[in-house]
Amino acid sequence: MQSESVASRSADSRNGTGSASSPTIDSVSLAIIEQLQEDGRRPYAAIGKAVGLSEAAVRQRVQKLLEQGVMQIVAVTDPLTVGLRRQAMVGIKVEGDLDQVADALTAMAECEYVVMTAGSFDLMVEIVCEDDDHLLEVINKRIRALPGVRSTESFVYLKLKKQTYMWGTR
């Protein structure tokens, strides 16, 4: 993926429970999201033409979607092109308070994705580093040193075959 703007999920801006407090998104808002996922810099007038709204109405809807945390508009880079040559998914088993460990991982710049899971691991963390030495330092000196971390298992990426952000409107 080259640098492009896309709509993206944000765990900080939603409760993740799917409860009644989640915003309701109608078919027009979904169509706007799809337009932005194709091209995050697409003009509001072009989006309006595609979804049957005025430019001003699209602008208002986009602002509401952003404020509600339904989406973000961000630049996505290919880590290799910006000097980050090592990626890994790390499974972590935790004793005690899962939230404390997840919060500590979330604060680490190298941890791009932190998710609580069911199954063999309590947490899965995607790490993006400069090289193998950097990855080793993050896992060995920082993650394993966190109170509550019982064990880790690393899955080093050899080649990324697919990464999309288009799932948001299915």
C-alpha atoms as a PDB file:
ATOM      1  CA  MET A   1       0.000   0.000   0.000  1.00  0.00           C
ATOM      2  CA  GLN A   2       1.456   3.310  -0.995  1.00  0.00           C
ATOM      3  CA  SER A   3       0.679   6.454   0.945  1.00  0.00           C
ATOM      4  CA  GLU A   4      -3.054   7.028   0.644  1.00  0.00           C
ATOM      5  CA  SER A   5      -5.869   8.436   2.690  1.00  0.00           C
ATOM      6  CA  VAL A   6      -8.451   5.952   3.901  1.00  0.00           C
ATOM      7  CA  ALA A   7     -11.180   5.615   6.462  1.00  0.00           C
ATOM      8  CA  SER A   8      -9.898   3.598   9.381  1.00  0.00           C
ATOM      9  CA  ARG A   9     -11.121   2.130  12.640  1.00  0.00           C
ATOM     10  CA  SER A  10     -10.258   3.726  15.956  1.00  0.00           C
ATOM     11  CA  ALA A  11     -10.482   1.765  19.183  1.00  0.00           C
ATOM     12  CA  ASP A  12     -10.047   4.977  21.184  1.00  0.00           C
ATOM     13  CA  SER A  13     -13.219   6.471  19.768  1.00  0.00           C
ATOM     14  CA  ARG A  14     -15.667   3.624  20.208  1.00  0.00           C
ATOM     15  CA  ASN A  15     -16.625   1.319  22.992  1.00  0.00           C
ATOM     16  CA  GLY A  16     -16.069  -1.872  20.985  1.00  0.00           C
ATOM     17  CA  THR A  17     -19.077  -3.601  22.535  1.00  0.00           C
ATOM     18  CA  GLY A  18     -21.597  -3.172  19.758  1.00  0.00           C
ATOM     19  CA  SER A  19     -24.048  -1.902  22.390  1.00  0.00           C
ATOM     20  CA  ALA A  20     -26.955   0.485  21.946  1.00  0.00           C
ATOM     21  CA  SER A  21     -24.572   3.441  22.365  1.00  0.00           C
ATOM     22  CA  SER A  22     -23.023   2.744  18.955  1.00  0.00           C
ATOM     23  CA  PRO A  23     -23.957   5.347  16.333  1.00  0.00           C
ATOM     24  CA  THR A  24     -26.548   4.363  13.745  1.00  0.00           C
ATOM     25  CA  ILE A  25     -25.227   4.601  10.195  1.00  0.00           C
ATOM     26  CA  ASP A  26     -27.662   4.805   7.303  1.00  0.00           C
ATOM     27  CA  SER A  27     -27.064   3.666   3.731  1.00  0.00           C
ATOM     28  CA  VAL A  28     -26.087   7.170   2.566  1.00  0.00           C
ATOM     29  CA  SER A  29     -23.410   7.481   5.256  1.00  0.00           C
ATOM     30  CA  LEU A  30     -22.142   4.016   4.306  1.00  0.00           C
ATOM     31  CA  ALA A  31     -21.922   5.155   0.678  1.00  0.00           C
ATOM     32  CA  ILE A  32     -19.943   8.234   1.765  1.00  0.00           C
ATOM     33  CA  ILE A  33     -17.567   6.021   3.746  1.00  0.00           C
ATOM     34  CA  GLU A  34     -17.088   3.783   0.702  1.00  0.00           C
ATOM     35  CA  GLN A  35     -16.250   6.829  -1.429  1.00  0.00           C
ATOM     36  CA  LEU A  36     -13.640   7.960   1.112  1.00  0.00           C
ATOM     37  CA  GLN A  37     -12.177   4.461   1.390  1.00  0.00           C
ATOM     38  CA  GLU A  38     -11.571   4.506  -2.346  1.00  0.00           C
ATOM     39  CA  ASP A  39      -9.942   7.946  -2.131  1.00  0.00           C
ATOM     40  CA  GLY A  40      -9.706   9.819   1.170  1.00  0.00           C
ATOM     41  CA  ARG A  41      -9.012  13.058  -0.719  1.00  0.00           C
ATOM     42  CA  ARG A  42     -12.056  12.801  -2.982  1.00  0.00           C
ATOM     43  CA  PRO A  43     -13.813  16.197  -3.110  1.00  0.00           C
ATOM     44  CA  TYR A  44     -17.114  16.514  -1.250  1.00  0.00           C
ATOM     45  CA  ALA A  45     -18.788  17.651  -4.479  1.00  0.00           C
ATOM     46  CA  ALA A  46     -17.773  14.399  -6.228  1.00  0.00           C
ATOM     47  CA  ILE A  47     -18.935  12.337  -3.255  1.00  0.00           C
ATOM     48  CA  GLY A  48     -22.224  14.251  -3.246  1.00  0.00           C
ATOM     49  CA  LYS A  49     -22.765  13.489  -6.920  1.00  0.00           C
ATOM     50  CA  ALA A  50     -22.101   9.776  -6.295  1.00  0.00           C
ATOM     51  CA  VAL A  51     -24.432   9.507  -3.291  1.00  0.00           C
ATOM     52  CA  GLY A  52     -27.125  12.032  -4.264  1.00  0.00           C
ATOM     53  CA  LEU A  53     -26.386  14.810  -1.764  1.00  0.00           C
ATOM     54  CA  SER A  54     -25.139  18.380  -1.956  1.00  0.00           C
ATOM     55  CA  GLU A  55     -21.511  19.184  -1.180  1.00  0.00           C
ATOM     56  CA  ALA A  56     -22.598  20.874   2.078  1.00  0.00           C
ATOM     57  CA  ALA A  57     -24.649  17.853   3.161  1.00  0.00           C
ATOM     58  CA  VAL A  58     -21.689  15.534   2.523  1.00  0.00           C
ATOM     59  CA  ARG A  59     -19.400  17.860   4.498  1.00  0.00           C
ATOM     60  CA  GLN A  60     -21.840  17.785   7.444  1.00  0.00           C
ATOM     61  CA  ARG A  61     -22.176  14.008   7.342  1.00  0.00           C
ATOM     62  CA  VAL A  62     -18.406  13.477   7.148  1.00  0.00           C
ATOM     63  CA  GLN A  63     -17.899  15.805  10.113  1.00  0.00           C
ATOM     64  CA  LYS A  64     -20.536  13.900  12.124  1.00  0.00           C
ATOM     65  CA  LEU A  65     -18.948  10.530  11.251  1.00  0.00           C
ATOM     66  CA  LEU A  66     -15.562  11.858  12.381  1.00  0.00           C
ATOM     67  CA  GLU A  67     -16.959  13.310  15.618  1.00  0.00           C
ATOM     68  CA  GLN A  68     -18.795  10.059  16.434  1.00  0.00           C
ATOM     69  CA  GLY A  69     -15.606   8.063  15.938  1.00  0.00           C
ATOM     70  CA  VAL A  70     -17.153   6.015  13.141  1.00  0.00           C
ATOM     71  CA  MET A  71     -14.131   6.685  10.949  1.00  0.00           C
ATOM     72  CA  GLN A  72     -10.861   8.531  10.656  1.00  0.00           C
ATOM     73  CA  ILE A  73      -9.257   9.888   7.540  1.00  0.00           C
ATOM     74  CA  VAL A  74      -5.561   9.062   7.695  1.00  0.00           C
ATOM     75  CA  ALA A  75      -2.517   8.569   5.479  1.00  0.00           C
ATOM     76  CA  VAL A  76      -1.466   4.928   5.375  1.00  0.00           C
ATOM     77  CA  THR A  77       2.152   4.232   4.497  1.00  0.00           C
ATOM     78  CA  ASP A  78       4.013   1.121   3.485  1.00  0.00           C
ATOM     79  CA  PRO A  79       6.357   0.576   6.479  1.00  0.00           C
ATOM     80  CA  LEU A  80       9.177  -0.637   4.214  1.00  0.00           C
ATOM     81  CA  THR A  81       9.275   2.646   2.316  1.00  0.00           C
ATOM     82  CA  VAL A  82       9.698   4.661   5.531  1.00  0.00           C
ATOM     83  CA  GLY A  83      12.525   2.557   6.975  1.00  0.00           C
ATOM     84  CA  LEU A  84      10.491   0.158   9.126  1.00  0.00           C
ATOM     85  CA  ARG A  85      11.718  -3.181   7.803  1.00  0.00           C
ATOM     86  CA  ARG A  86      10.470  -5.603  10.445  1.00  0.00           C
ATOM     87  CA  GLN A  87       6.869  -6.362  11.360  1.00  0.00           C
ATOM     88  CA  ALA A  88       5.566  -9.028  13.714  1.00  0.00           C
ATOM     89  CA  MET A  89       2.403 -10.117  15.426  1.00  0.00           C
ATOM     90  CA  VAL A  90       3.031 -10.998  19.065  1.00  0.00           C
ATOM     91  CA  GLY A  91       0.678 -13.153  21.096  1.00  0.00           C
ATOM     92  CA  ILE A  92       0.812 -12.342  24.806  1.00  0.00           C
ATOM     93  CA  LYS A  93      -0.445 -14.329  27.799  1.00  0.00           C
ATOM     94  CA  VAL A  94      -1.238 -12.185  30.826  1.00  0.00           C
ATOM     95  CA  GLU A  95      -1.724 -12.828  34.530  1.00  0.00           C
ATOM     96  CA  GLY A  96      -3.868 -10.311  36.362  1.00  0.00           C
ATOM     97  CA  ASP A  97      -5.370  -7.152  34.926  1.00  0.00           C
ATOM     98  CA  LEU A  98      -5.524  -7.376  31.149  1.00  0.00           C
ATOM     99  CA  ASP A  99      -6.451  -3.698  30.776  1.00  0.00           C
ATOM    100  CA  GLN A 100      -3.248  -2.513  32.471  1.00  0.00           C
ATOM    101  CA  VAL A 101      -1.050  -4.526  30.116  1.00  0.00           C
ATOM    102  CA  ALA A 102      -3.110  -3.489  27.074  1.00  0.00           C
ATOM    103  CA  ASP A 103      -2.858   0.174  28.100  1.00  0.00           C
ATOM    104  CA  ALA A 104       0.929  -0.095  28.508  1.00  0.00           C
ATOM    105  CA  LEU A 105       1.235  -1.684  25.051  1.00  0.00           C
ATOM    106  CA  THR A 106      -1.015   0.957  23.520  1.00  0.00           C
ATOM    107  CA  ALA A 107       1.387   3.623  24.794  1.00  0.00           C
ATOM    108  CA  MET A 108       4.339   2.053  22.910  1.00  0.00           C
ATOM    109  CA  ALA A 109       4.902   3.723  19.539  1.00  0.00           C
ATOM    110  CA  GLU A 110       5.952   0.428  17.924  1.00  0.00           C
ATOM    111  CA  CYS A 111       2.643  -1.256  18.803  1.00  0.00           C
ATOM    112  CA  GLU A 112       0.358  -0.379  15.916  1.00  0.00           C
ATOM    113  CA  TYR A 113      -2.502  -2.708  16.795  1.00  0.00           C
ATOM    114  CA  VAL A 114      -3.476  -4.012  20.236  1.00  0.00           C
ATOM    115  CA  VAL A 115      -6.461  -6.325  20.634  1.00  0.00           C
ATOM    116  CA  MET A 116      -7.809  -8.375  23.527  1.00  0.00           C
ATOM    117  CA  THR A 117      -8.611 -11.887  22.371  1.00  0.00           C
ATOM    118  CA  ALA A 118     -10.163 -15.169  23.406  1.00  0.00           C
ATOM    119  CA  GLY A 119      -8.188 -18.340  22.837  1.00  0.00           C
ATOM    120  CA  SER A 120      -4.523 -19.163  23.310  1.00  0.00           C
ATOM    121  CA  PHE A 121      -3.475 -15.549  23.870  1.00  0.00           C
ATOM    122  CA  ASP A 122      -4.984 -12.773  25.945  1.00  0.00           C
ATOM    123  CA  LEU A 123      -3.603 -10.053  23.678  1.00  0.00           C
ATOM    124  CA  MET A 124      -2.405  -9.842  20.094  1.00  0.00           C
ATOM    125  CA  VAL A 125      -0.111  -6.941  19.225  1.00  0.00           C
ATOM    126  CA  GLU A 126       1.177  -5.895  15.817  1.00  0.00           C
ATOM    127  CA  ILE A 127       4.638  -4.388  16.091  1.00  0.00           C
ATOM    128  CA  VAL A 128       6.425  -2.344  13.427  1.00  0.00           C
ATOM    129  CA  CYS A 129      10.187  -1.842  13.909  1.00  0.00           C
ATOM    130  CA  GLU A 130      13.281  -0.651  12.075  1.00  0.00           C
ATOM    131  CA  ASP A 131      15.011  -4.040  12.101  1.00  0.00           C
ATOM    132  CA  ASP A 132      15.446  -7.310  14.014  1.00  0.00           C
ATOM    133  CA  ASP A 133      17.494  -5.677  16.783  1.00  0.00           C
ATOM    134  CA  HIS A 134      14.766  -3.119  17.361  1.00  0.00           C
ATOM    135  CA  LEU A 135      12.104  -5.873  17.413  1.00  0.00           C
ATOM    136  CA  LEU A 136      14.145  -7.866  19.935  1.00  0.00           C
ATOM    137  CA  GLU A 137      14.528  -4.804  22.161  1.00  0.00           C
ATOM    138  CA  VAL A 138      10.774  -4.102  22.097  1.00  0.00           C
ATOM    139  CA  ILE A 139       9.787  -7.685  22.873  1.00  0.00           C
ATOM    140  CA  ASN A 140      12.543  -8.637  25.311  1.00  0.00           C
ATOM    141  CA  LYS A 141      13.212  -5.398  27.182  1.00  0.00           C
ATOM    142  CA  ARG A 142       9.844  -3.681  27.072  1.00  0.00           C
ATOM    143  CA  ILE A 143       6.951  -6.094  26.533  1.00  0.00           C
ATOM    144  CA  ARG A 144       8.265  -9.005  28.580  1.00  0.00           C
ATOM    145  CA  ALA A 145       9.237  -6.550  31.331  1.00  0.00           C
ATOM    146  CA  LEU A 146       5.644  -5.368  31.804  1.00  0.00           C
ATOM    147  CA  PRO A 147       4.044  -6.477  35.091  1.00  0.00           C
ATOM    148  CA  GLY A 148       1.522  -9.216  34.339  1.00  0.00           C
ATOM    149  CA  VAL A 149       3.094 -10.475  31.098  1.00  0.00           C
ATOM    150  CA  ARG A 150       3.481 -14.234  31.546  1.00  0.00           C
ATOM    151  CA  SER A 151       4.708 -15.197  28.071  1.00  0.00           C
ATOM    152  CA  THR A 152       4.949 -14.040  24.462  1.00  0.00           C
ATOM    153  CA  GLU A 153       5.029 -15.759  21.100  1.00  0.00           C
ATOM    154  CA  SER A 154       6.232 -13.865  18.050  1.00  0.00           C
ATOM    155  CA  PHE A 155       5.066 -14.292  14.472  1.00  0.00           C
ATOM    156  CA  VAL A 156       7.522 -12.396  12.263  1.00  0.00           C
ATOM    157  CA  TYR A 157       6.114 -11.219   8.939  1.00  0.00           C
ATOM    158  CA  LEU A 158       8.060 -12.526   5.966  1.00  0.00           C
ATOM    159  CA  LYS A 159       5.858 -10.959   3.303  1.00  0.00           C
ATOM    160  CA  LEU A 160       2.636  -8.999   3.511  1.00  0.00           C
ATOM    161  CA  LYS A 161       0.243 -10.266   0.843  1.00  0.00           C
ATOM    162  CA  LYS A 162      -2.906  -8.295   1.637  1.00  0.00           C
ATOM    163  CA  GLN A 163      -3.879  -5.411   3.865  1.00  0.00           C
ATOM    164  CA  THR A 164      -7.062  -3.460   3.243  1.00  0.00           C
ATOM    165  CA  TYR A 165      -9.319  -1.135   5.142  1.00  0.00           C
ATOM    166  CA  MET A 166     -12.417  -1.727   3.028  1.00  0.00           C
ATOM    167  CA  TRP A 167     -14.236  -3.988   5.502  1.00  0.00           C
ATOM    168  CA  GLY A 168     -15.990  -1.097   7.190  1.00  0.00           C
ATOM    169  CA  THR A 169     -19.071  -1.040   4.964  1.00  0.00           C
ATOM    170  CA  ARG A 170     -19.747  -4.691   4.237  1.00  0.00           C
END
